[in-house]
Amino acid sequence: MANRKAYVHVYTGNGKGKTTAAFGLALRAAGHGMRTYVGQFMKGQVYGEIKALKGNPYITIEQFADEECLLRKEEVNEKHIKQAHDGLQRSREAMRSGRFQLVVLDEINVAIWFSLVAEKEVLNFLDERPEDLELVLTGRYAPDSLIERAHVVTEMRCVKHYYDQGVCARDGIER
C-alpha cells in the first residue's frame, strides 16, 4: 500500500452520520488489511463502535475528552484545551509512525469551533500529512480553510430528526 496517492476527507454538517461514515471507512480499510488510527476529540463516553472494535488488530481508537459531553463554549476550561492538544499530538505521532494508512480526527471540526485547538494547528497537521496517508476530519462547523484543502467534502444535512420531538440519544443507534 506504500507510495499510493491518498486524500483528505471532511465529513461535516448538522445531520447525523459523520462519525458513522468515518468508522465505516475504517472498517472498509480494515477489510483490505489497512490500519486505521482514530483520535476522538470531544468524546469520552464509551460508544457502541468502540465496544465493537475493541481488540480489532487493524483499528486503534483513542479518546481525548471527559466522559461528560462539552455542550457550550462557556464550559471550556484549561483541562479541555489540554486534552485536545494532547489528542492532536498523539494523532500527529500516529500519522508520522508509518503504522497507519488511514487517520481519523473525529470531531476535530467541533474542537476548532470550541477553540480547543486553533484552526492553524489543524492546517499544520494537514501540511505534515504523508502523501500516502488517507486523512478524515469529522464534525459540524468545518472551517472554510479545511473545506478548501480537502479532496472530498461531504455535508450531512438534517432534513428531519426525532430529537426535535424530545427523543434522546439511544444506545446502539446514536451512541
Protein backbone atom coordinates (compact mmCIF):
# COMPACT_ATOMS: atom_id res chain seq x y z
CA MET A 1 0.00 0.00 0.00
CA ALA A 2 3.01 2.30 0.31
CA ASN A 3 3.53 5.07 -2.23
CA ARG A 4 -0.13 5.25 -3.22
CA LYS A 5 -1.87 8.59 -3.55
CA ALA A 6 -4.18 9.29 -0.64
CA TYR A 7 -6.66 12.06 0.07
CA VAL A 8 -8.18 14.30 2.74
CA HIS A 9 -11.88 13.90 3.54
CA VAL A 10 -14.12 16.26 5.52
CA TYR A 11 -17.45 14.99 6.87
CA THR A 12 -19.39 17.96 8.24
CA GLY A 13 -22.88 19.44 8.59
CA ASN A 14 -25.70 19.36 11.12
CA GLY A 15 -27.05 15.98 10.05
CA LYS A 16 -26.43 12.62 11.66
CA GLY A 17 -23.78 10.22 10.37
CA LYS A 18 -20.37 11.91 10.28
CA THR A 19 -18.66 9.66 12.81
CA THR A 20 -20.56 6.66 11.45
CA ALA A 21 -19.21 7.38 7.97
CA ALA A 22 -15.66 7.65 9.31
CA PHE A 23 -15.95 4.35 11.18
CA GLY A 24 -17.46 2.74 8.09
CA LEU A 25 -14.41 3.80 6.12
CA ALA A 26 -12.16 2.41 8.89
CA LEU A 27 -13.98 -0.95 8.67
CA ARG A 28 -13.68 -0.97 4.90
CA ALA A 29 -9.96 -0.22 5.17
CA ALA A 30 -9.55 -3.00 7.76
CA GLY A 31 -11.18 -5.42 5.33
CA HIS A 32 -8.29 -4.67 2.97
CA GLY A 33 -5.61 -5.09 5.65
CA MET A 34 -5.15 -1.34 6.17
CA ARG A 35 -4.55 0.01 9.65
CA THR A 36 -6.59 2.95 10.98
CA TYR A 37 -5.94 5.31 13.86
CA VAL A 38 -8.95 7.19 15.25
CA GLY A 39 -8.41 10.13 17.56
CA GLN A 40 -11.74 11.17 19.06
CA PHE A 41 -11.99 14.74 20.24
CA MET A 42 -14.88 15.99 22.39
CA LYS A 43 -15.96 12.39 23.10
CA GLY A 44 -15.10 10.47 26.26
CA GLN A 45 -18.08 8.16 26.62
CA VAL A 46 -17.95 4.51 25.65
CA TYR A 47 -19.77 4.33 22.32
CA GLY A 48 -21.01 1.16 20.63
CA GLU A 49 -18.38 1.38 17.90
CA ILE A 50 -15.61 1.41 20.50
CA LYS A 51 -17.03 -1.69 22.19
CA ALA A 52 -17.50 -3.47 18.85
CA LEU A 53 -13.98 -2.71 17.64
CA LYS A 54 -12.14 -3.45 20.88
CA GLY A 55 -9.34 -5.85 20.06
CA ASN A 56 -9.55 -5.31 16.30
CA PRO A 57 -5.93 -5.53 15.17
CA TYR A 58 -6.47 -3.01 12.35
CA ILE A 59 -8.23 -0.19 14.20
CA THR A 60 -6.79 1.82 17.10
CA ILE A 61 -9.08 4.29 18.90
CA GLU A 62 -8.07 6.88 21.48
CA GLN A 63 -10.37 9.42 23.11
CA PHE A 64 -9.34 12.88 24.24
CA ALA A 65 -12.21 14.22 26.33
CA ASP A 66 -14.11 13.82 29.56
CA GLU A 67 -16.90 11.30 29.83
CA GLU A 68 -19.32 14.19 30.24
CA CYS A 69 -20.05 15.99 26.98
CA LEU A 70 -18.93 19.55 26.48
CA LEU A 71 -22.08 21.29 25.24
CA ARG A 72 -21.36 25.03 25.33
CA LYS A 73 -18.30 27.14 24.61
CA GLU A 74 -18.72 28.75 28.05
CA GLU A 75 -17.94 25.37 29.67
CA VAL A 76 -14.45 25.15 28.13
CA ASN A 77 -11.61 25.11 30.64
CA GLU A 78 -7.85 24.53 30.55
CA LYS A 79 -8.29 20.78 31.05
CA HIS A 80 -10.41 20.53 27.88
CA ILE A 81 -7.85 22.54 25.92
CA LYS A 82 -5.02 20.32 27.19
CA GLN A 83 -6.96 17.16 26.27
CA ALA A 84 -7.46 18.43 22.73
CA HIS A 85 -3.81 19.47 22.33
CA ASP A 86 -2.65 16.12 23.71
CA GLY A 87 -5.02 14.43 21.25
CA LEU A 88 -3.67 16.36 18.31
CA GLN A 89 -0.11 15.49 19.34
CA ARG A 90 -0.97 11.76 19.75
CA SER A 91 -2.71 11.84 16.36
CA ARG A 92 0.36 13.50 14.82
CA GLU A 93 2.56 10.75 16.29
CA ALA A 94 0.23 8.11 14.86
CA MET A 95 0.27 9.81 11.47
CA ARG A 96 4.07 10.02 11.41
CA SER A 97 4.62 6.49 12.75
CA GLY A 98 4.16 4.77 9.41
CA ARG A 99 1.92 2.18 11.10
CA PHE A 100 -1.36 3.57 9.75
CA GLN A 101 -2.75 4.09 6.26
CA LEU A 102 -5.86 5.95 7.50
CA VAL A 103 -6.10 8.53 10.28
CA VAL A 104 -9.42 9.89 11.52
CA LEU A 105 -9.68 13.06 13.60
CA ASP A 106 -13.22 12.57 14.84
CA GLU A 107 -14.99 15.80 15.92
CA ILE A 108 -11.89 17.90 15.21
CA ASN A 109 -14.06 20.49 13.46
CA VAL A 110 -16.07 20.98 16.65
CA ALA A 111 -12.85 21.15 18.67
CA ILE A 112 -11.79 24.04 16.43
CA TRP A 113 -15.19 25.70 16.79
CA PHE A 114 -14.95 25.41 20.60
CA SER A 115 -11.41 26.92 20.41
CA LEU A 116 -9.88 23.81 21.97
CA VAL A 117 -7.36 23.76 19.13
CA ALA A 118 -6.58 26.52 16.67
CA GLU A 119 -7.59 26.18 13.04
CA LYS A 120 -3.96 26.89 12.11
CA GLU A 121 -2.81 23.88 14.17
CA VAL A 122 -5.06 21.57 12.16
CA LEU A 123 -3.90 23.16 8.89
CA ASN A 124 -0.32 22.49 10.01
CA PHE A 125 -1.35 18.88 10.68
CA LEU A 126 -2.56 18.67 7.07
CA ASP A 127 0.77 20.10 5.88
CA GLU A 128 2.57 17.26 7.69
CA ARG A 129 0.38 14.51 6.21
CA PRO A 130 2.37 11.95 4.25
CA GLU A 131 1.16 11.75 0.65
CA ASP A 132 0.18 8.09 1.05
CA LEU A 133 -1.90 8.60 4.22
CA GLU A 134 -5.68 8.97 3.95
CA LEU A 135 -7.00 11.54 6.45
CA VAL A 136 -10.59 12.09 7.61
CA LEU A 137 -11.74 15.15 9.59
CA THR A 138 -15.25 14.99 11.06
CA GLY A 139 -17.60 17.27 12.92
CA ARG A 140 -20.02 20.12 12.43
CA TYR A 141 -18.76 23.59 11.67
CA ALA A 142 -15.85 22.65 9.40
CA PRO A 143 -13.99 25.88 8.70
CA ASP A 144 -13.74 27.03 5.10
CA SER A 145 -9.96 26.56 5.17
CA LEU A 146 -10.34 22.80 5.78
CA ILE A 147 -13.08 22.52 3.17
CA GLU A 148 -10.78 24.20 0.64
CA ARG A 149 -7.86 21.90 1.46
CA ALA A 150 -9.89 18.66 1.40
CA HIS A 151 -10.23 16.47 -1.67
CA VAL A 152 -13.62 15.05 -0.58
CA VAL A 153 -16.19 17.06 1.37
CA THR A 154 -19.48 15.54 2.46
CA GLU A 155 -22.08 17.64 4.23
CA MET A 156 -24.63 15.75 6.28
CA ARG A 157 -27.84 17.77 6.23
CA CYS A 158 -30.62 17.14 8.70
CA VAL A 159 -33.99 17.04 6.97
CA LYS A 160 -35.93 15.55 9.88
CA HIS A 161 -34.89 14.11 13.25
CA TYR A 162 -36.75 12.68 16.23
CA TYR A 163 -34.55 14.79 18.55
CA ASP A 164 -36.99 17.56 17.67
CA GLN A 165 -39.73 15.54 19.41
CA GLY A 166 -37.57 15.11 22.53
CA VAL A 167 -36.11 11.67 21.79
CA CYS A 168 -32.67 11.39 23.40
CA ALA A 169 -29.64 9.54 22.05
CA ARG A 170 -30.22 5.79 22.08
CA ASP A 171 -27.64 3.08 22.72
CA GLY A 172 -26.81 1.24 19.53
CA ILE A 173 -28.21 3.96 17.28
CA GLU A 174 -26.68 7.30 18.32
CA ARG A 175 -24.06 6.08 20.76
